[in-house]
C-alpha atoms as a PDB file:
ATOM      1  CA  MET A   1     153.670  16.777-200.196  1.00  0.00           C
ATOM      2  CA  VAL A   2     153.674  13.006-200.375  1.00  0.00           C
ATOM      3  CA  LEU A   3     156.728  11.290-201.797  1.00  0.00           C
ATOM      4  CA  ASN A   4     156.415   8.144-203.835  1.00  0.00           C
ATOM      5  CA  SER A   5     157.932   4.842-202.751  1.00  0.00           C
ATOM      6  CA  ASP A   6     161.312   5.777-204.221  1.00  0.00           C
ATOM      7  CA  ALA A   7     162.533   8.110-201.472  1.00  0.00           C
ATOM      8  CA  LYS A   8     165.862   8.752-203.219  1.00  0.00           C
ATOM      9  CA  SER A   9     164.348  10.348-206.287  1.00  0.00           C
ATOM     10  CA  GLY A  10     162.265  12.811-204.253  1.00  0.00           C
ATOM     11  CA  SER A  11     159.596  13.003-206.922  1.00  0.00           C
ATOM     12  CA  VAL A  12     156.009  13.906-206.093  1.00  0.00           C
ATOM     13  CA  ASP A  13     153.303  11.267-206.469  1.00  0.00           C
ATOM     14  CA  ALA A  14     151.199  11.988-209.568  1.00  0.00           C
ATOM     15  CA  SER A  15     147.905  11.620-207.694  1.00  0.00           C
ATOM     16  CA  GLN A  16     148.891  14.369-205.253  1.00  0.00           C
ATOM     17  CA  GLU A  17     150.052  16.692-208.018  1.00  0.00           C
ATOM     18  CA  SER A  18     146.746  16.484-209.890  1.00  0.00           C
ATOM     19  CA  ALA A  19     144.810  17.511-206.771  1.00  0.00           C
ATOM     20  CA  TYR A  20     145.875  21.138-207.267  1.00  0.00           C
ATOM     21  CA  PRO A  21     144.659  23.362-210.082  1.00  0.00           C
ATOM     22  CA  SER A  22     147.017  24.383-212.831  1.00  0.00           C
ATOM     23  CA  PRO A  23     148.659  27.794-212.401  1.00  0.00           C
ATOM     24  CA  ARG A  24     146.700  29.123-215.378  1.00  0.00           C
ATOM     25  CA  TYR A  25     143.364  28.092-213.850  1.00  0.00           C
ATOM     26  CA  ALA A  26     144.384  29.463-210.451  1.00  0.00           C
ATOM     27  CA  TRP A  27     145.140  32.869-211.995  1.00  0.00           C
ATOM     28  CA  TYR A  28     141.836  32.763-213.883  1.00  0.00           C
ATOM     29  CA  VAL A  29     139.908  32.108-210.653  1.00  0.00           C
ATOM     30  CA  LEU A  30     141.851  34.872-208.900  1.00  0.00           C
ATOM     31  CA  GLY A  31     140.923  37.292-211.690  1.00  0.00           C
ATOM     32  CA  VAL A  32     137.238  36.366-211.533  1.00  0.00           C
ATOM     33  CA  LEU A  33     137.138  36.713-207.741  1.00  0.00           C
ATOM     34  CA  THR A  34     138.927  40.065-207.969  1.00  0.00           C
ATOM     35  CA  LEU A  35     136.322  41.327-210.447  1.00  0.00           C
ATOM     36  CA  VAL A  36     133.507  40.126-208.194  1.00  0.00           C
ATOM     37  CA  TYR A  37     135.094  41.947-205.239  1.00  0.00           C
ATOM     38  CA  ILE A  38     135.460  45.154-207.283  1.00  0.00           C
ATOM     39  CA  PHE A  39     131.804  45.021-208.349  1.00  0.00           C
ATOM     40  CA  SER A  40     130.785  44.318-204.766  1.00  0.00           C
ATOM     41  CA  PHE A  41     132.712  47.366-203.577  1.00  0.00           C
ATOM     42  CA  LEU A  42     131.204  49.538-206.305  1.00  0.00           C
ATOM     43  CA  ASP A  43     127.753  48.226-205.430  1.00  0.00           C
ATOM     44  CA  ARG A  44     128.185  49.438-201.874  1.00  0.00           C
ATOM     45  CA  GLN A  45     129.482  52.841-202.983  1.00  0.00           C
ATOM     46  CA  ILE A  46     126.651  53.486-205.441  1.00  0.00           C
ATOM     47  CA  LEU A  47     124.242  53.907-202.540  1.00  0.00           C
ATOM     48  CA  ASN A  48     126.301  56.877-201.335  1.00  0.00           C
ATOM     49  CA  LEU A  49     126.159  58.459-204.781  1.00  0.00           C
ATOM     50  CA  LEU A  50     122.385  58.056-205.051  1.00  0.00           C
ATOM     51  CA  VAL A  51     121.347  59.484-201.685  1.00  0.00           C
ATOM     52  CA  ALA A  52     119.289  62.374-203.131  1.00  0.00           C
ATOM     53  CA  PRO A  53     117.221  60.282-205.579  1.00  0.00           C
ATOM     54  CA  ILE A  54     116.701  57.565-202.947  1.00  0.00           C
ATOM     55  CA  ARG A  55     115.540  60.126-200.381  1.00  0.00           C
ATOM     56  CA  ARG A  56     113.128  61.609-202.908  1.00  0.00           C
ATOM     57  CA  ASP A  57     111.704  58.341-204.260  1.00  0.00           C
ATOM     58  CA  LEU A  58     111.442  56.353-201.026  1.00  0.00           C
ATOM     59  CA  HIS A  59     110.796  59.306-198.681  1.00  0.00           C
ATOM     60  CA  VAL A  60     113.814  58.360-196.583  1.00  0.00           C
ATOM     61  CA  THR A  61     115.222  60.626-193.887  1.00  0.00           C
ATOM     62  CA  ASP A  62     118.884  61.486-193.372  1.00  0.00           C
ATOM     63  CA  THR A  63     118.859  59.332-190.238  1.00  0.00           C
ATOM     64  CA  GLN A  64     117.643  56.304-192.162  1.00  0.00           C
ATOM     65  CA  ILE A  65     120.296  56.778-194.852  1.00  0.00           C
ATOM     66  CA  SER A  66     123.024  57.059-192.223  1.00  0.00           C
ATOM     67  CA  LEU A  67     121.717  53.946-190.459  1.00  0.00           C
ATOM     68  CA  LEU A  68     121.749  52.071-193.748  1.00  0.00           C
ATOM     69  CA  SER A  69     125.329  52.954-194.610  1.00  0.00           C
ATOM     70  CA  GLY A  70     126.698  52.797-191.074  1.00  0.00           C
ATOM     71  CA  PHE A  71     125.089  51.023-188.157  1.00  0.00           C
ATOM     72  CA  THR A  72     123.111  48.295-189.928  1.00  0.00           C
ATOM     73  CA  PHE A  73     126.070  47.673-192.238  1.00  0.00           C
ATOM     74  CA  ALA A  74     128.270  46.990-189.187  1.00  0.00           C
ATOM     75  CA  ILE A  75     125.615  44.823-187.517  1.00  0.00           C
ATOM     76  CA  PHE A  76     125.313  42.573-190.575  1.00  0.00           C
ATOM     77  CA  TYR A  77     129.079  42.205-190.820  1.00  0.00           C
ATOM     78  CA  VAL A  78     129.336  41.231-187.163  1.00  0.00           C
ATOM     79  CA  ALA A  79     126.359  38.886-187.345  1.00  0.00           C
ATOM     80  CA  PHE A  80     127.436  37.037-190.484  1.00  0.00           C
ATOM     81  CA  GLY A  81     131.214  37.444-190.566  1.00  0.00           C
ATOM     82  CA  ILE A  82     132.004  34.888-187.878  1.00  0.00           C
ATOM     83  CA  PRO A  83     129.593  32.133-189.011  1.00  0.00           C
ATOM     84  CA  LEU A  84     130.598  32.501-192.663  1.00  0.00           C
ATOM     85  CA  GLY A  85     134.277  32.556-191.707  1.00  0.00           C
ATOM     86  CA  ARG A  86     133.804  29.354-189.768  1.00  0.00           C
ATOM     87  CA  ASP A  87     132.017  27.797-192.726  1.00  0.00           C
ATOM     88  CA  ALA A  88     134.927  28.809-194.976  1.00  0.00           C
ATOM     89  CA  ASP A  89     137.312  26.948-192.673  1.00  0.00           C
ATOM     90  CA  SER A  90     135.234  23.805-192.297  1.00  0.00           C
ATOM     91  CA  ARG A  91     133.241  23.368-195.516  1.00  0.00           C
ATOM     92  CA  ASN A  92     133.629  23.467-199.260  1.00  0.00           C
ATOM     93  CA  ARG A  93     134.820  26.970-200.128  1.00  0.00           C
ATOM     94  CA  THR A  94     133.772  26.681-203.741  1.00  0.00           C
ATOM     95  CA  ARG A  95     130.146  26.179-202.727  1.00  0.00           C
ATOM     96  CA  LEU A  96     130.375  28.995-200.168  1.00  0.00           C
ATOM     97  CA  ILE A  97     131.734  31.429-202.768  1.00  0.00           C
ATOM     98  CA  THR A  98     129.178  30.311-205.350  1.00  0.00           C
ATOM     99  CA  SER A  99     126.255  30.650-202.959  1.00  0.00           C
ATOM    100  CA  GLY A 100     127.551  34.025-201.746  1.00  0.00           C
ATOM    101  CA  PHE A 101     127.836  35.275-205.318  1.00  0.00           C
ATOM    102  CA  ALA A 102     124.336  34.040-206.149  1.00  0.00           C
ATOM    103  CA  ALA A 103     122.882  35.645-202.994  1.00  0.00           C
ATOM    104  CA  TRP A 104     124.714  38.899-203.710  1.00  0.00           C
ATOM    105  CA  SER A 105     123.304  38.960-207.249  1.00  0.00           C
ATOM    106  CA  LEU A 106     119.740  38.333-206.094  1.00  0.00           C
ATOM    107  CA  PHE A 107     119.814  40.844-203.246  1.00  0.00           C
ATOM    108  CA  THR A 108     121.483  43.479-205.433  1.00  0.00           C
ATOM    109  CA  ALA A 109     118.603  43.103-207.875  1.00  0.00           C
ATOM    110  CA  ALA A 110     116.200  43.378-204.921  1.00  0.00           C
ATOM    111  CA  CYS A 111     117.867  46.686-203.970  1.00  0.00           C
ATOM    112  CA  GLY A 112     116.894  48.074-207.352  1.00  0.00           C
ATOM    113  CA  MET A 113     113.278  47.004-206.896  1.00  0.00           C
ATOM    114  CA  ALA A 114     112.895  48.221-203.300  1.00  0.00           C
ATOM    115  CA  GLY A 115     109.787  50.284-202.692  1.00  0.00           C
ATOM    116  CA  SER A 116     110.406  51.262-199.065  1.00  0.00           C
ATOM    117  CA  PHE A 117     113.242  51.883-196.663  1.00  0.00           C
ATOM    118  CA  GLY A 118     112.737  48.496-195.003  1.00  0.00           C
ATOM    119  CA  GLN A 119     113.021  46.640-198.300  1.00  0.00           C
ATOM    120  CA  LEU A 120     116.054  48.683-199.317  1.00  0.00           C
ATOM    121  CA  SER A 121     117.745  48.144-195.973  1.00  0.00           C
ATOM    122  CA  LEU A 122     117.233  44.390-195.889  1.00  0.00           C
ATOM    123  CA  SER A 123     118.189  43.785-199.497  1.00  0.00           C
ATOM    124  CA  CYS A 124     121.286  46.001-199.372  1.00  0.00           C
ATOM    125  CA  GLU A 125     122.541  44.574-196.098  1.00  0.00           C
ATOM    126  CA  TRP A 126     122.002  40.990-197.233  1.00  0.00           C
ATOM    127  CA  ALA A 127     123.746  41.757-200.529  1.00  0.00           C
ATOM    128  CA  TRP A 128     126.739  43.352-198.821  1.00  0.00           C
ATOM    129  CA  ALA A 129     127.019  40.611-196.218  1.00  0.00           C
ATOM    130  CA  SER A 130     126.907  37.826-198.804  1.00  0.00           C
ATOM    131  CA  ALA A 131     129.464  39.324-201.168  1.00  0.00           C
ATOM    132  CA  LYS A 132     132.472  39.782-198.945  1.00  0.00           C
ATOM    133  CA  PRO A 133     135.143  37.129-198.746  1.00  0.00           C
ATOM    134  CA  ARG A 134     135.879  35.947-195.266  1.00  0.00           C
END
C-alpha cells in the first residue's frame, strides 16, 4: 500500500487503488475458475465411467486403461507441474490461465475424436495437464 503525500491522513493513493479489481469482479472470476475446475475434474472422472465402451471401441487392454488413468497421468503432472508453476510465478497469470483453458478445451475435444489408444492417451494427458491450476 502506497500512501499519498499527506502522511497524516493515511489515505491510499487513487492510482494504487484502481490497480486491483473490484470485489464483485473478483468474485465473478473466482466463480468462473471454480466452474472450470469442476468441469476439469468431471472430465477426468468420465474416463473411469466409460472404461467398457472405450475398451470395446478402441480395443484397449486393462493394462492400457490403468496406465492411462495412473502412471501416465502422474508423469504428465510431474513433467508439467513445475514449469507451469514457475510460469505462474514469473509471468502473466491471466494469459497462463487463458491458454490453459484453451488447451484443455482443444485436447478434451481431441479425446472424443481419438481413434486409437495412443491418440486417447496423448489427448487426455495433455487436457488434464493443461487444466489444473498450479
